[in-house]
Amino acid sequence: MSNFSVGFRNSGTVQILDLKGELDAHTASELEAAIQKCQADNQVQIIINGANLLYISSAGLGVFMAYIEEVRECGGDIKIAALQPKVYNVFDLLGFPMLFDIVDLEEDAVGKFVVA
């Protein structure tokens, strides 16, 4: 069984989800539940902090694609920060930087919401 967890933090009106471990078909439902909780709480300015994300599979990437349009329709966005290089490479290979703001530092992602 994969080791994965999602932690919740706030930075003003921005909801930060700290991903830890391996995001794959067995654990993708945990990220789905976290994003659904954000939506239910009307927190649609979401930052995914991937500093401790060790691995992501196509199922994990699918969660991002499944919710981005819904979140944007509610006036929010999902921004991704602090990915480890090998995880970023997976996002990059599949063209995610064209669809999502992916930044090196969480503070930069928070700043993009403040300016927006």
C-alpha atoms as a PDB file:
ATOM      1  CA  MET A   1       0.000   0.000   0.000  1.00  0.00           C
ATOM      2  CA  SER A   2       1.274   3.439  -0.909  1.00  0.00           C
ATOM      3  CA  ASN A   3       2.162   6.020   1.695  1.00  0.00           C
ATOM      4  CA  PHE A   4       0.268   9.267   1.029  1.00  0.00           C
ATOM      5  CA  SER A   5      -1.305  12.077   3.019  1.00  0.00           C
ATOM      6  CA  VAL A   6      -2.813  15.516   2.462  1.00  0.00           C
ATOM      7  CA  GLY A   7      -2.372  18.267   5.034  1.00  0.00           C
ATOM      8  CA  PHE A   8      -4.458  21.451   5.132  1.00  0.00           C
ATOM      9  CA  ARG A   9      -3.152  24.959   5.881  1.00  0.00           C
ATOM     10  CA  ASN A  10      -4.409  28.467   5.200  1.00  0.00           C
ATOM     11  CA  SER A  11      -2.565  31.561   4.076  1.00  0.00           C
ATOM     12  CA  GLY A  12      -5.204  34.263   4.242  1.00  0.00           C
ATOM     13  CA  THR A  13      -7.929  33.278   1.792  1.00  0.00           C
ATOM     14  CA  VAL A  14      -5.712  30.689   0.116  1.00  0.00           C
ATOM     15  CA  GLN A  15      -6.081  26.999   1.005  1.00  0.00           C
ATOM     16  CA  ILE A  16      -2.783  25.107   0.893  1.00  0.00           C
ATOM     17  CA  LEU A  17      -2.761  21.344   0.466  1.00  0.00           C
ATOM     18  CA  ASP A  18       0.521  19.720   1.491  1.00  0.00           C
ATOM     19  CA  LEU A  19       0.995  16.452  -0.379  1.00  0.00           C
ATOM     20  CA  LYS A  20       3.276  13.842   1.122  1.00  0.00           C
ATOM     21  CA  GLY A  21       4.301  10.475  -0.265  1.00  0.00           C
ATOM     22  CA  GLU A  22       3.131   8.719  -3.418  1.00  0.00           C
ATOM     23  CA  LEU A  23       0.054   9.852  -5.329  1.00  0.00           C
ATOM     24  CA  ASP A  24      -1.188   6.951  -7.417  1.00  0.00           C
ATOM     25  CA  ALA A  25      -4.357   4.998  -8.255  1.00  0.00           C
ATOM     26  CA  HIS A  26      -4.612   3.754  -4.657  1.00  0.00           C
ATOM     27  CA  THR A  27      -4.290   7.203  -3.079  1.00  0.00           C
ATOM     28  CA  ALA A  28      -5.836   9.548  -5.677  1.00  0.00           C
ATOM     29  CA  SER A  29      -9.168   9.421  -3.829  1.00  0.00           C
ATOM     30  CA  GLU A  30      -7.519  11.158  -0.850  1.00  0.00           C
ATOM     31  CA  LEU A  31      -6.568  14.145  -3.018  1.00  0.00           C
ATOM     32  CA  GLU A  32     -10.040  14.123  -4.582  1.00  0.00           C
ATOM     33  CA  ALA A  33     -11.614  14.244  -1.119  1.00  0.00           C
ATOM     34  CA  ALA A  34      -9.325  17.124  -0.113  1.00  0.00           C
ATOM     35  CA  ILE A  35     -10.252  19.191  -3.179  1.00  0.00           C
ATOM     36  CA  GLN A  36     -13.940  18.390  -2.659  1.00  0.00           C
ATOM     37  CA  LYS A  37     -13.633  19.579   0.954  1.00  0.00           C
ATOM     38  CA  CYS A  38     -12.121  22.843  -0.266  1.00  0.00           C
ATOM     39  CA  GLN A  39     -15.019  23.297  -2.680  1.00  0.00           C
ATOM     40  CA  ALA A  40     -17.601  22.468   0.002  1.00  0.00           C
ATOM     41  CA  ASP A  41     -15.982  25.073   2.277  1.00  0.00           C
ATOM     42  CA  ASN A  42     -16.049  27.583  -0.619  1.00  0.00           C
ATOM     43  CA  GLN A  43     -12.239  27.723  -0.622  1.00  0.00           C
ATOM     44  CA  VAL A  44     -11.398  27.751  -4.313  1.00  0.00           C
ATOM     45  CA  GLN A  45      -8.015  29.477  -4.206  1.00  0.00           C
ATOM     46  CA  ILE A  46      -5.989  26.294  -3.827  1.00  0.00           C
ATOM     47  CA  ILE A  47      -2.252  25.733  -3.772  1.00  0.00           C
ATOM     48  CA  ILE A  48      -0.837  22.239  -4.016  1.00  0.00           C
ATOM     49  CA  ASN A  49       2.499  22.123  -2.187  1.00  0.00           C
ATOM     50  CA  GLY A  50       4.457  19.206  -3.609  1.00  0.00           C
ATOM     51  CA  ALA A  51       7.664  19.606  -1.603  1.00  0.00           C
ATOM     52  CA  ASN A  52       7.129  16.172  -0.018  1.00  0.00           C
ATOM     53  CA  LEU A  53       5.429  14.504  -2.984  1.00  0.00           C
ATOM     54  CA  LEU A  54       7.739  11.663  -3.977  1.00  0.00           C
ATOM     55  CA  TYR A  55       5.832  10.171  -6.916  1.00  0.00           C
ATOM     56  CA  ILE A  56       2.784  10.854  -9.063  1.00  0.00           C
ATOM     57  CA  SER A  57       1.061   8.483 -11.475  1.00  0.00           C
ATOM     58  CA  SER A  58      -1.379   9.226 -14.275  1.00  0.00           C
ATOM     59  CA  ALA A  59      -4.240   8.602 -11.827  1.00  0.00           C
ATOM     60  CA  GLY A  60      -2.869  11.335  -9.589  1.00  0.00           C
ATOM     61  CA  LEU A  61      -2.525  13.715 -12.515  1.00  0.00           C
ATOM     62  CA  GLY A  62      -6.105  12.882 -13.480  1.00  0.00           C
ATOM     63  CA  VAL A  63      -7.352  14.355 -10.204  1.00  0.00           C
ATOM     64  CA  PHE A  64      -5.909  17.742 -11.160  1.00  0.00           C
ATOM     65  CA  MET A  65      -7.581  17.571 -14.563  1.00  0.00           C
ATOM     66  CA  ALA A  66     -10.887  16.447 -13.059  1.00  0.00           C
ATOM     67  CA  TYR A  67     -11.233  19.502 -10.816  1.00  0.00           C
ATOM     68  CA  ILE A  68      -9.438  22.409 -12.471  1.00  0.00           C
ATOM     69  CA  GLU A  69     -12.370  23.481 -14.633  1.00  0.00           C
ATOM     70  CA  GLU A  70     -14.870  23.268 -11.746  1.00  0.00           C
ATOM     71  CA  VAL A  71     -12.612  25.301  -9.476  1.00  0.00           C
ATOM     72  CA  ARG A  72     -12.030  27.946 -12.145  1.00  0.00           C
ATOM     73  CA  GLU A  73     -15.782  28.180 -12.858  1.00  0.00           C
ATOM     74  CA  CYS A  74     -16.229  29.067  -9.166  1.00  0.00           C
ATOM     75  CA  GLY A  75     -13.759  31.937  -9.534  1.00  0.00           C
ATOM     76  CA  GLY A  76     -10.758  30.097  -8.125  1.00  0.00           C
ATOM     77  CA  ASP A  77      -7.706  28.261  -9.388  1.00  0.00           C
ATOM     78  CA  ILE A  78      -5.342  25.451  -8.499  1.00  0.00           C
ATOM     79  CA  LYS A  79      -1.682  26.454  -8.437  1.00  0.00           C
ATOM     80  CA  ILE A  80       1.158  24.004  -7.899  1.00  0.00           C
ATOM     81  CA  ALA A  81       4.315  24.813  -5.948  1.00  0.00           C
ATOM     82  CA  ALA A  82       7.577  23.312  -4.741  1.00  0.00           C
ATOM     83  CA  LEU A  83       7.605  20.138  -6.830  1.00  0.00           C
ATOM     84  CA  GLN A  84      10.650  17.916  -6.644  1.00  0.00           C
ATOM     85  CA  PRO A  85      12.461  17.763 -10.009  1.00  0.00           C
ATOM     86  CA  LYS A  86      11.465  14.189 -10.886  1.00  0.00           C
ATOM     87  CA  VAL A  87       7.806  14.915 -10.090  1.00  0.00           C
ATOM     88  CA  TYR A  88       7.918  18.199 -12.014  1.00  0.00           C
ATOM     89  CA  ASN A  89       9.280  16.292 -15.016  1.00  0.00           C
ATOM     90  CA  VAL A  90       6.109  14.167 -15.099  1.00  0.00           C
ATOM     91  CA  PHE A  91       3.921  17.300 -15.028  1.00  0.00           C
ATOM     92  CA  ASP A  92       6.111  18.923 -17.701  1.00  0.00           C
ATOM     93  CA  LEU A  93       6.144  15.877 -19.967  1.00  0.00           C
ATOM     94  CA  LEU A  94       2.346  15.919 -20.088  1.00  0.00           C
ATOM     95  CA  GLY A  95       2.066  19.662 -20.739  1.00  0.00           C
ATOM     96  CA  PHE A  96       0.724  20.680 -17.320  1.00  0.00           C
ATOM     97  CA  PRO A  97       2.755  23.932 -17.215  1.00  0.00           C
ATOM     98  CA  MET A  98       0.536  25.173 -20.064  1.00  0.00           C
ATOM     99  CA  LEU A  99      -2.633  24.496 -18.021  1.00  0.00           C
ATOM    100  CA  PHE A 100      -1.520  25.247 -14.470  1.00  0.00           C
ATOM    101  CA  ASP A 101       0.658  27.837 -12.746  1.00  0.00           C
ATOM    102  CA  ILE A 102       3.595  25.763 -11.501  1.00  0.00           C
ATOM    103  CA  VAL A 103       6.098  27.718  -9.421  1.00  0.00           C
ATOM    104  CA  ASP A 104       9.180  26.901  -7.366  1.00  0.00           C
ATOM    105  CA  LEU A 105       8.099  28.568  -4.125  1.00  0.00           C
ATOM    106  CA  GLU A 106       4.820  28.396  -2.245  1.00  0.00           C
ATOM    107  CA  GLU A 107       5.123  32.117  -1.492  1.00  0.00           C
ATOM    108  CA  ASP A 108       5.130  32.857  -5.228  1.00  0.00           C
ATOM    109  CA  ALA A 109       1.915  30.878  -5.684  1.00  0.00           C
ATOM    110  CA  VAL A 110       0.266  32.746  -2.797  1.00  0.00           C
ATOM    111  CA  GLY A 111       1.404  36.020  -4.380  1.00  0.00           C
ATOM    112  CA  LYS A 112      -0.257  35.105  -7.672  1.00  0.00           C
ATOM    113  CA  PHE A 113      -3.606  34.839  -5.869  1.00  0.00           C
ATOM    114  CA  VAL A 114      -3.102  38.130  -4.030  1.00  0.00           C
ATOM    115  CA  VAL A 115      -2.405  39.942  -7.313  1.00  0.00           C
ATOM    116  CA  ALA A 116      -5.202  38.219  -9.229  1.00  0.00           C
END
